[in-house]
N, C-alpha and C. Protein backbone atom coordinates (compact mmCIF):
# COMPACT_ATOMS: atom_id res chain seq x y z
N MET A 1 106.71 82.86 104.56
CA MET A 1 106.40 84.27 104.39
C MET A 1 107.56 84.95 103.67
N LYS A 2 107.27 85.64 102.59
CA LYS A 2 108.28 86.34 101.82
C LYS A 2 108.43 87.77 102.34
N LEU A 3 109.67 88.16 102.58
CA LEU A 3 109.96 89.51 103.02
C LEU A 3 110.22 90.40 101.82
N ILE A 4 110.34 91.67 102.09
CA ILE A 4 110.56 92.65 101.03
C ILE A 4 111.99 92.58 100.49
N HIS A 5 112.15 92.83 99.20
CA HIS A 5 113.45 92.97 98.55
C HIS A 5 113.64 94.44 98.25
N VAL A 6 114.83 94.98 98.58
CA VAL A 6 115.11 96.39 98.31
C VAL A 6 116.40 96.48 97.52
N SER A 7 116.38 97.23 96.42
CA SER A 7 117.56 97.49 95.61
C SER A 7 117.64 98.98 95.34
N ILE A 8 118.86 99.53 95.46
CA ILE A 8 119.06 100.96 95.27
C ILE A 8 120.13 101.19 94.22
N SER A 9 119.81 102.04 93.26
CA SER A 9 120.76 102.47 92.23
C SER A 9 120.83 103.99 92.27
N SER A 10 121.85 104.55 91.67
CA SER A 10 122.02 106.00 91.69
C SER A 10 122.34 106.49 90.29
N GLY A 11 121.75 107.61 89.91
CA GLY A 11 122.01 108.18 88.60
C GLY A 11 120.87 109.08 88.18
N SER A 12 120.88 109.47 86.93
CA SER A 12 119.86 110.38 86.43
C SER A 12 118.58 109.61 86.07
N LEU A 13 117.49 110.33 86.09
CA LEU A 13 116.20 109.76 85.73
C LEU A 13 115.29 110.87 85.25
N ILE A 14 114.15 110.47 84.74
CA ILE A 14 113.14 111.42 84.29
C ILE A 14 111.90 111.20 85.15
N ALA A 15 111.36 112.28 85.69
CA ALA A 15 110.14 112.21 86.49
C ALA A 15 109.05 112.95 85.73
N ALA A 16 107.84 112.40 85.75
CA ALA A 16 106.76 113.03 85.00
C ALA A 16 105.41 112.72 85.63
N VAL A 17 104.47 113.60 85.37
CA VAL A 17 103.07 113.35 85.71
C VAL A 17 102.44 112.81 84.43
N ILE A 18 101.79 111.66 84.53
CA ILE A 18 101.20 111.03 83.35
C ILE A 18 99.70 110.85 83.56
N GLY A 19 98.98 110.74 82.46
CA GLY A 19 97.54 110.53 82.51
C GLY A 19 96.78 111.75 82.05
N SER A 20 95.55 111.52 81.58
CA SER A 20 94.73 112.64 81.13
C SER A 20 93.51 112.84 82.01
N SER A 21 93.01 111.79 82.64
CA SER A 21 91.87 111.96 83.54
C SER A 21 92.25 111.67 84.98
N LYS A 22 93.12 110.70 85.19
CA LYS A 22 93.62 110.40 86.53
C LYS A 22 95.14 110.57 86.48
N PHE A 23 95.64 111.60 87.14
CA PHE A 23 97.06 111.92 87.07
C PHE A 23 97.86 111.04 88.03
N MET A 24 99.00 110.56 87.54
CA MET A 24 99.91 109.75 88.35
C MET A 24 101.33 110.26 88.14
N TYR A 25 102.14 110.13 89.15
CA TYR A 25 103.54 110.53 89.09
C TYR A 25 104.36 109.27 88.85
N ASP A 26 105.32 109.33 87.92
CA ASP A 26 106.15 108.17 87.63
C ASP A 26 107.57 108.61 87.34
N ILE A 27 108.51 107.67 87.44
CA ILE A 27 109.91 107.93 87.12
C ILE A 27 110.38 106.90 86.10
N PHE A 28 111.28 107.33 85.22
CA PHE A 28 111.77 106.50 84.13
C PHE A 28 113.28 106.65 84.02
N GLY A 29 113.93 105.69 83.40
CA GLY A 29 115.35 105.80 83.09
C GLY A 29 116.14 104.58 83.47
N ASN A 30 117.39 104.55 83.05
CA ASN A 30 118.28 103.43 83.31
C ASN A 30 118.44 103.16 84.81
N THR A 31 118.55 104.21 85.61
CA THR A 31 118.71 104.06 87.05
C THR A 31 117.54 103.27 87.65
N VAL A 32 116.34 103.62 87.25
CA VAL A 32 115.14 102.94 87.73
C VAL A 32 115.11 101.50 87.25
N ASN A 33 115.46 101.28 85.98
CA ASN A 33 115.46 99.92 85.42
C ASN A 33 116.46 99.02 86.14
N VAL A 34 117.66 99.53 86.42
CA VAL A 34 118.67 98.73 87.10
C VAL A 34 118.18 98.34 88.50
N ALA A 35 117.67 99.30 89.27
CA ALA A 35 117.19 99.00 90.62
C ALA A 35 116.05 97.98 90.57
N SER A 36 115.16 98.14 89.62
CA SER A 36 114.04 97.21 89.49
C SER A 36 114.51 95.81 89.14
N ARG A 37 115.44 95.70 88.21
CA ARG A 37 115.93 94.38 87.80
C ARG A 37 116.81 93.74 88.86
N MET A 38 117.45 94.54 89.69
CA MET A 38 118.26 94.00 90.78
C MET A 38 117.40 93.29 91.82
N MET A 39 116.16 93.69 91.94
CA MET A 39 115.29 93.07 92.95
C MET A 39 115.14 91.57 92.73
N SER A 40 115.16 91.13 91.48
CA SER A 40 114.98 89.70 91.21
C SER A 40 116.19 88.88 91.67
N SER A 41 117.36 89.52 91.86
CA SER A 41 118.53 88.80 92.34
C SER A 41 118.83 89.10 93.81
N SER A 42 117.95 89.86 94.44
CA SER A 42 118.14 90.22 95.84
C SER A 42 117.69 89.07 96.74
N GLU A 43 117.83 89.25 98.04
CA GLU A 43 117.42 88.24 99.01
C GLU A 43 116.46 88.87 100.01
N ASP A 44 115.61 88.03 100.59
CA ASP A 44 114.62 88.51 101.56
C ASP A 44 115.27 89.33 102.68
N GLY A 45 114.69 90.49 102.93
CA GLY A 45 115.10 91.31 104.06
C GLY A 45 116.44 92.01 103.92
N LYS A 46 117.04 91.98 102.73
CA LYS A 46 118.34 92.63 102.52
C LYS A 46 118.20 93.81 101.56
N ILE A 47 119.15 94.74 101.67
CA ILE A 47 119.20 95.90 100.79
C ILE A 47 120.43 95.78 99.92
N GLN A 48 120.22 95.67 98.61
CA GLN A 48 121.31 95.52 97.64
C GLN A 48 121.55 96.86 96.95
N VAL A 49 122.82 97.26 96.82
CA VAL A 49 123.13 98.54 96.19
C VAL A 49 124.13 98.36 95.06
N THR A 50 124.10 99.28 94.11
CA THR A 50 125.04 99.27 92.98
C THR A 50 126.35 99.93 93.38
N GLU A 51 127.33 99.85 92.49
CA GLU A 51 128.65 100.45 92.77
C GLU A 51 128.59 101.96 92.99
N PRO A 52 127.84 102.74 92.17
CA PRO A 52 127.77 104.18 92.45
C PRO A 52 127.20 104.48 93.84
N VAL A 53 126.24 103.70 94.29
CA VAL A 53 125.67 103.89 95.63
C VAL A 53 126.71 103.51 96.68
N TYR A 54 127.40 102.41 96.47
CA TYR A 54 128.47 101.99 97.37
C TYR A 54 129.51 103.11 97.53
N GLN A 55 129.92 103.73 96.42
CA GLN A 55 130.92 104.80 96.46
C GLN A 55 130.45 105.96 97.34
N LYS A 56 129.16 106.28 97.29
CA LYS A 56 128.63 107.39 98.07
C LYS A 56 128.43 107.04 99.54
N LEU A 57 128.14 105.78 99.85
CA LEU A 57 127.79 105.38 101.22
C LEU A 57 128.93 104.80 102.04
N GLN A 58 130.02 104.40 101.41
CA GLN A 58 131.04 103.61 102.10
C GLN A 58 131.66 104.27 103.34
N LYS A 59 131.69 105.60 103.40
CA LYS A 59 132.28 106.27 104.57
C LYS A 59 131.32 106.37 105.75
N ASN A 60 130.03 106.17 105.51
CA ASN A 60 129.03 106.35 106.55
C ASN A 60 128.24 105.08 106.89
N PHE A 61 128.41 104.04 106.08
CA PHE A 61 127.63 102.82 106.28
C PHE A 61 128.52 101.58 106.19
N VAL A 62 128.05 100.50 106.79
CA VAL A 62 128.71 99.21 106.68
C VAL A 62 128.11 98.51 105.46
N LEU A 63 128.95 98.19 104.50
CA LEU A 63 128.51 97.49 103.29
C LEU A 63 129.33 96.21 103.12
N GLU A 64 128.67 95.15 102.74
CA GLU A 64 129.33 93.86 102.51
C GLU A 64 129.31 93.56 101.02
N LYS A 65 130.50 93.31 100.46
CA LYS A 65 130.58 93.04 99.03
C LYS A 65 129.87 91.74 98.70
N ARG A 66 128.92 91.80 97.81
CA ARG A 66 128.23 90.61 97.35
C ARG A 66 128.97 89.98 96.18
N GLY A 67 129.56 90.82 95.34
CA GLY A 67 130.28 90.34 94.17
C GLY A 67 129.50 90.57 92.90
N GLU A 68 129.87 89.84 91.86
CA GLU A 68 129.21 89.98 90.57
C GLU A 68 127.85 89.29 90.58
N VAL A 69 126.87 90.01 90.06
CA VAL A 69 125.51 89.49 89.94
C VAL A 69 125.05 89.78 88.52
N PHE A 70 124.37 88.82 87.90
CA PHE A 70 123.84 89.04 86.56
C PHE A 70 122.55 89.84 86.66
N ILE A 71 122.51 90.99 85.98
CA ILE A 71 121.32 91.85 85.95
C ILE A 71 120.79 91.84 84.52
N LYS A 72 119.54 91.41 84.36
CA LYS A 72 118.93 91.32 83.03
C LYS A 72 119.05 92.65 82.29
N GLY A 73 119.52 92.57 81.06
CA GLY A 73 119.66 93.77 80.23
C GLY A 73 120.94 94.56 80.48
N LYS A 74 121.69 94.24 81.53
CA LYS A 74 122.92 94.96 81.87
C LYS A 74 124.13 94.03 81.89
N GLY A 75 123.91 92.75 82.15
CA GLY A 75 125.03 91.82 82.29
C GLY A 75 125.48 91.73 83.73
N LYS A 76 126.76 91.41 83.92
CA LYS A 76 127.29 91.27 85.27
C LYS A 76 127.62 92.63 85.87
N MET A 77 127.18 92.84 87.10
CA MET A 77 127.44 94.08 87.83
C MET A 77 127.89 93.73 89.23
N TYR A 78 128.79 94.53 89.80
CA TYR A 78 129.17 94.34 91.19
C TYR A 78 128.11 95.00 92.07
N THR A 79 127.70 94.28 93.11
CA THR A 79 126.73 94.83 94.06
C THR A 79 127.22 94.58 95.49
N TRP A 80 126.63 95.32 96.42
CA TRP A 80 126.95 95.23 97.84
C TRP A 80 125.66 95.12 98.63
N TRP A 81 125.76 94.54 99.83
CA TRP A 81 124.65 94.54 100.78
C TRP A 81 124.86 95.71 101.74
N LEU A 82 123.83 96.51 101.92
CA LEU A 82 123.86 97.58 102.91
C LEU A 82 123.49 96.96 104.25
N LYS A 83 124.42 96.99 105.23
CA LYS A 83 124.25 96.27 106.48
C LYS A 83 123.85 97.16 107.65
N ASP A 84 124.52 98.30 107.80
CA ASP A 84 124.30 99.12 108.99
C ASP A 84 124.87 100.51 108.76
N ARG A 85 124.62 101.38 109.70
CA ARG A 85 125.10 102.75 109.67
C ARG A 85 126.32 102.89 110.57
N LEU A 86 127.33 103.63 110.14
CA LEU A 86 128.51 103.88 110.97
C LEU A 86 128.34 105.11 111.84
N LYS A 87 127.73 106.14 111.30
CA LYS A 87 127.58 107.41 112.01
C LYS A 87 126.13 107.63 112.38
N LYS A 88 125.90 108.30 113.52
CA LYS A 88 124.53 108.58 113.93
C LYS A 88 123.92 109.70 113.10
N GLU A 89 124.70 110.73 112.82
CA GLU A 89 124.19 111.86 112.05
C GLU A 89 124.78 111.83 110.65
N ILE A 90 123.92 111.83 109.65
CA ILE A 90 124.38 111.78 108.27
C ILE A 90 123.84 113.01 107.54
N THR A 91 124.72 113.71 106.84
CA THR A 91 124.34 114.92 106.13
C THR A 91 124.58 114.73 104.63
N LEU A 92 124.03 115.63 103.83
CA LEU A 92 124.29 115.60 102.39
C LEU A 92 125.79 115.74 102.11
N GLU A 93 126.47 116.56 102.91
CA GLU A 93 127.91 116.76 102.71
C GLU A 93 128.68 115.47 102.97
N SER A 94 128.30 114.72 104.01
CA SER A 94 129.02 113.48 104.31
C SER A 94 128.77 112.42 103.25
N LEU A 95 127.67 112.52 102.52
CA LEU A 95 127.38 111.60 101.43
C LEU A 95 127.90 112.12 100.10
N GLN A 96 128.54 113.30 100.13
CA GLN A 96 129.07 113.95 98.94
C GLN A 96 127.98 114.20 97.91
N CYS A 97 126.82 114.61 98.40
CA CYS A 97 125.68 114.90 97.53
C CYS A 97 125.41 116.40 97.54
N THR A 98 124.83 116.87 96.47
CA THR A 98 124.39 118.25 96.42
C THR A 98 122.95 118.26 95.95
N GLU A 99 122.21 119.24 96.40
CA GLU A 99 120.85 119.37 95.92
C GLU A 99 120.88 119.93 94.52
N ASN A 100 120.10 119.33 93.63
CA ASN A 100 120.04 119.80 92.26
C ASN A 100 118.67 120.41 92.03
N THR A 101 118.64 121.72 91.90
CA THR A 101 117.37 122.42 91.69
C THR A 101 117.22 122.91 90.25
N ASP A 102 118.17 122.52 89.39
CA ASP A 102 118.09 122.95 87.98
C ASP A 102 116.95 122.24 87.28
N VAL A 103 116.14 122.99 86.58
CA VAL A 103 115.05 122.42 85.78
C VAL A 103 115.19 122.94 84.37
N ASP A 104 115.20 122.03 83.41
CA ASP A 104 115.31 122.46 82.01
C ASP A 104 113.98 122.93 81.48
């Protein structure tokens, strides 16, 4: 039985509603492509994250360095396994995130 593979990347993306008769919501961009391509190098039941995600999570989560992994179209990238949570309560401030409500 194959378990789920999860990969998380962080960065900018484009979100859009597509279709003319049946509308669907989709996201595009390098961030999405990296996360998608990382899934092929992931392992069953594990969560693999990129370096930008590691930088944001390291103070609140237990992460294990996986090392360099070849990602199609990107080359070698450092990735980590997300193992566990350090704190019970996690806020946007503790993750050093801000809500972005700007729309062009």
